[in-house]
């Protein structure tokens, strides 16, 4: 199951929990567990999107490397 589907299904549980005829304590527990699961899944989805934004077409991560190409004024090897 994809993470997007998981978030959708947990959202349905959160939506249906108040409407079901289950004890109040179980509703509270189900809501808290669903919230924690949504928090974890949301974090993982955001992190995956951020990592995808850093990768280039070859699957390598971009870096902000700076290389000086100017050879004027460079010291000569001894």
N, C-alpha and C. Protein backbone atom coordinates (compact mmCIF):
# COMPACT_ATOMS: atom_id res chain seq x y z
N UNK A 1 0.84 -1.17 0.00
CA UNK A 1 0.00 0.00 0.00
C UNK A 1 0.89 1.24 0.00
N UNK A 2 0.57 2.17 -0.86
CA UNK A 2 1.36 3.40 -0.92
C UNK A 2 1.06 4.28 0.29
N UNK A 3 1.97 5.18 0.56
CA UNK A 3 1.79 6.07 1.71
C UNK A 3 0.60 7.00 1.50
N UNK A 4 0.35 7.38 0.25
CA UNK A 4 -0.79 8.24 -0.03
C UNK A 4 -2.10 7.52 0.28
N UNK A 5 -2.18 6.24 -0.08
CA UNK A 5 -3.38 5.44 0.22
C UNK A 5 -3.54 5.26 1.72
N UNK A 6 -2.42 5.08 2.41
CA UNK A 6 -2.45 4.92 3.86
C UNK A 6 -3.00 6.18 4.53
N UNK A 7 -2.54 7.34 4.09
CA UNK A 7 -3.04 8.60 4.65
C UNK A 7 -4.54 8.73 4.39
N UNK A 8 -4.98 8.34 3.20
CA UNK A 8 -6.41 8.40 2.87
C UNK A 8 -7.22 7.50 3.79
N UNK A 9 -6.78 6.27 3.99
CA UNK A 9 -7.52 5.33 4.83
C UNK A 9 -7.54 5.76 6.30
N UNK A 10 -6.44 6.27 6.80
CA UNK A 10 -6.42 6.76 8.19
C UNK A 10 -7.33 7.97 8.32
N UNK A 11 -7.38 8.81 7.28
CA UNK A 11 -8.31 9.93 7.29
C UNK A 11 -9.76 9.48 7.35
N UNK A 12 -10.07 8.40 6.65
CA UNK A 12 -11.43 7.84 6.73
C UNK A 12 -11.74 7.33 8.14
N UNK A 13 -10.75 6.72 8.79
CA UNK A 13 -10.95 6.25 10.17
C UNK A 13 -11.24 7.44 11.09
N UNK A 14 -10.47 8.52 10.92
CA UNK A 14 -10.69 9.71 11.75
C UNK A 14 -12.08 10.28 11.49
N UNK A 15 -12.51 10.28 10.24
CA UNK A 15 -13.84 10.79 9.89
C UNK A 15 -14.95 9.91 10.47
N UNK A 16 -14.78 8.60 10.43
CA UNK A 16 -15.83 7.68 10.86
C UNK A 16 -15.86 7.43 12.36
N UNK A 17 -14.77 7.69 13.06
CA UNK A 17 -14.70 7.38 14.49
C UNK A 17 -15.83 8.01 15.32
N UNK A 18 -16.14 9.28 15.16
CA UNK A 18 -17.23 9.84 15.98
C UNK A 18 -18.60 9.26 15.66
N UNK A 19 -18.77 8.72 14.46
CA UNK A 19 -20.07 8.22 14.04
C UNK A 19 -20.33 6.77 14.43
N UNK A 20 -19.28 6.06 14.81
CA UNK A 20 -19.43 4.66 15.16
C UNK A 20 -19.91 4.53 16.60
N UNK A 21 -20.60 3.46 16.89
CA UNK A 21 -21.13 3.25 18.23
C UNK A 21 -20.15 2.51 19.12
N UNK A 22 -19.00 3.11 19.34
CA UNK A 22 -17.99 2.48 20.20
C UNK A 22 -17.83 3.33 21.45
N UNK A 23 -17.31 2.75 22.53
CA UNK A 23 -17.14 3.52 23.77
C UNK A 23 -16.27 4.76 23.58
N UNK A 24 -16.53 5.77 24.40
CA UNK A 24 -15.85 7.06 24.31
C UNK A 24 -14.33 6.92 24.45
N UNK A 25 -13.87 6.06 25.38
CA UNK A 25 -12.44 5.89 25.59
C UNK A 25 -11.77 5.32 24.35
N UNK A 26 -12.45 4.40 23.67
CA UNK A 26 -11.90 3.81 22.45
C UNK A 26 -11.83 4.85 21.33
N UNK A 27 -12.83 5.72 21.29
CA UNK A 27 -12.80 6.78 20.29
C UNK A 27 -11.60 7.69 20.50
N UNK A 28 -11.36 8.05 21.77
CA UNK A 28 -10.21 8.90 22.06
C UNK A 28 -8.91 8.22 21.66
N UNK A 29 -8.79 6.95 22.00
CA UNK A 29 -7.58 6.20 21.68
C UNK A 29 -7.41 6.07 20.17
N UNK A 30 -8.47 5.77 19.45
CA UNK A 30 -8.40 5.63 18.00
C UNK A 30 -8.01 6.95 17.34
N UNK A 31 -8.54 8.05 17.84
CA UNK A 31 -8.22 9.35 17.28
C UNK A 31 -6.76 9.71 17.53
N UNK A 32 -6.25 9.42 18.72
CA UNK A 32 -4.85 9.71 19.04
C UNK A 32 -3.91 8.86 18.19
N UNK A 33 -4.21 7.57 18.07
CA UNK A 33 -3.37 6.68 17.26
C UNK A 33 -3.40 7.10 15.80
N UNK A 34 -4.59 7.44 15.29
CA UNK A 34 -4.69 7.88 13.90
C UNK A 34 -3.92 9.17 13.68
N UNK A 35 -3.97 10.08 14.63
CA UNK A 35 -3.21 11.33 14.52
C UNK A 35 -1.72 11.08 14.48
N UNK A 36 -1.24 10.18 15.33
CA UNK A 36 0.19 9.85 15.34
C UNK A 36 0.60 9.21 14.00
N UNK A 37 -0.24 8.29 13.50
CA UNK A 37 0.07 7.65 12.22
C UNK A 37 0.07 8.66 11.08
N UNK A 38 -0.87 9.60 11.09
CA UNK A 38 -0.89 10.64 10.07
C UNK A 38 0.33 11.54 10.16
N UNK A 39 0.76 11.84 11.36
CA UNK A 39 1.94 12.66 11.56
C UNK A 39 3.18 11.98 10.99
N UNK A 40 3.35 10.71 11.27
CA UNK A 40 4.50 9.96 10.77
C UNK A 40 4.45 9.84 9.24
N UNK A 41 3.29 9.48 8.71
CA UNK A 41 3.16 9.33 7.25
C UNK A 41 3.38 10.67 6.55
N UNK A 42 2.85 11.75 7.10
CA UNK A 42 3.04 13.08 6.52
C UNK A 42 4.50 13.49 6.51
N UNK A 43 5.20 13.20 7.60
CA UNK A 43 6.63 13.52 7.67
C UNK A 43 7.40 12.73 6.62
N UNK A 44 7.09 11.43 6.49
CA UNK A 44 7.80 10.61 5.50
C UNK A 44 7.52 11.07 4.08
N UNK A 45 6.28 11.48 3.79
CA UNK A 45 5.95 11.98 2.46
C UNK A 45 6.67 13.29 2.16
N UNK A 46 6.71 14.19 3.13
CA UNK A 46 7.41 15.47 2.93
C UNK A 46 8.90 15.25 2.75
N UNK A 47 9.49 14.34 3.53
CA UNK A 47 10.92 14.07 3.42
C UNK A 47 11.24 13.45 2.06
N UNK A 48 10.40 12.54 1.58
CA UNK A 48 10.61 11.92 0.27
C UNK A 48 10.50 12.97 -0.84
N UNK A 49 9.56 13.89 -0.73
CA UNK A 49 9.42 14.95 -1.73
C UNK A 49 10.63 15.87 -1.71
N UNK A 50 11.16 16.18 -0.52
CA UNK A 50 12.34 17.03 -0.41
C UNK A 50 13.56 16.34 -1.03
N UNK A 51 13.74 15.07 -0.76
CA UNK A 51 14.88 14.34 -1.32
C UNK A 51 14.75 14.25 -2.84
N UNK A 52 13.52 14.03 -3.35
CA UNK A 52 13.32 14.02 -4.80
C UNK A 52 13.67 15.36 -5.41
N UNK A 53 13.42 16.46 -4.71
CA UNK A 53 13.73 17.78 -5.24
C UNK A 53 15.24 18.03 -5.30
N UNK A 54 16.02 17.29 -4.51
CA UNK A 54 17.47 17.46 -4.53
C UNK A 54 18.15 16.62 -5.60
N UNK A 55 17.49 15.60 -6.10
CA UNK A 55 18.12 14.69 -7.05
C UNK A 55 17.99 15.21 -8.47
N UNK A 56 19.02 14.93 -9.28
CA UNK A 56 18.96 15.30 -10.68
C UNK A 56 18.48 14.11 -11.50
N UNK A 57 18.57 14.20 -12.82
CA UNK A 57 18.04 13.16 -13.69
C UNK A 57 18.75 11.83 -13.51
N UNK A 58 20.01 11.83 -13.13
CA UNK A 58 20.79 10.60 -13.00
C UNK A 58 20.60 9.94 -11.63
N UNK A 59 19.81 10.53 -10.77
CA UNK A 59 19.61 9.97 -9.44
C UNK A 59 20.64 10.43 -8.44
N UNK A 60 21.52 11.35 -8.85
CA UNK A 60 22.54 11.86 -7.95
C UNK A 60 22.01 13.10 -7.25
N UNK A 61 22.44 13.26 -6.03
CA UNK A 61 22.01 14.45 -5.29
C UNK A 61 22.88 15.62 -5.66
N UNK A 62 22.23 16.77 -5.83
CA UNK A 62 22.96 18.00 -6.16
C UNK A 62 23.65 18.52 -4.92
N UNK A 63 24.75 19.14 -5.15
CA UNK A 63 25.46 19.80 -4.06
C UNK A 63 25.82 21.20 -4.47
N UNK A 64 26.06 22.04 -3.54
CA UNK A 64 26.46 23.40 -3.84
C UNK A 64 27.98 23.50 -3.76
N UNK A 65 28.64 22.77 -4.64
CA UNK A 65 30.10 22.79 -4.66
C UNK A 65 30.55 23.96 -5.52
N UNK A 66 31.56 24.65 -5.06
CA UNK A 66 32.11 25.79 -5.79
C UNK A 66 33.55 25.46 -6.15
N UNK A 67 33.87 25.58 -7.43
CA UNK A 67 35.21 25.32 -7.91
C UNK A 67 35.69 26.57 -8.61
N UNK A 68 36.85 27.04 -8.23
CA UNK A 68 37.44 28.22 -8.84
C UNK A 68 38.16 27.80 -10.11
N UNK A 69 37.74 28.37 -11.25
CA UNK A 69 38.35 28.02 -12.53
C UNK A 69 39.42 29.01 -12.94
N UNK A 70 39.55 30.08 -12.24
CA UNK A 70 40.50 31.13 -12.58
C UNK A 70 41.91 30.68 -12.20
N UNK A 71 42.80 30.57 -13.18
CA UNK A 71 44.18 30.16 -12.90
C UNK A 71 45.11 31.36 -12.75
N UNK A 72 44.61 32.56 -13.03
CA UNK A 72 45.43 33.77 -12.84
C UNK A 72 45.73 33.95 -11.37
N UNK A 73 46.96 34.18 -11.08
CA UNK A 73 47.35 34.41 -9.70
C UNK A 73 47.50 33.13 -8.89
N UNK A 74 47.35 32.00 -9.55
CA UNK A 74 47.51 30.74 -8.83
C UNK A 74 48.99 30.51 -8.57
N UNK A 75 49.28 29.92 -7.47
CA UNK A 75 50.67 29.64 -7.13
C UNK A 75 51.20 28.50 -7.98
N UNK A 76 52.43 28.65 -8.42
CA UNK A 76 53.09 27.61 -9.20
C UNK A 76 53.60 26.53 -8.24
N UNK A 77 53.51 25.27 -8.62
CA UNK A 77 54.08 24.22 -7.76
C UNK A 77 55.59 24.31 -7.74
N UNK A 78 56.21 24.02 -6.64
CA UNK A 78 57.67 24.15 -6.50
C UNK A 78 58.35 22.87 -6.85
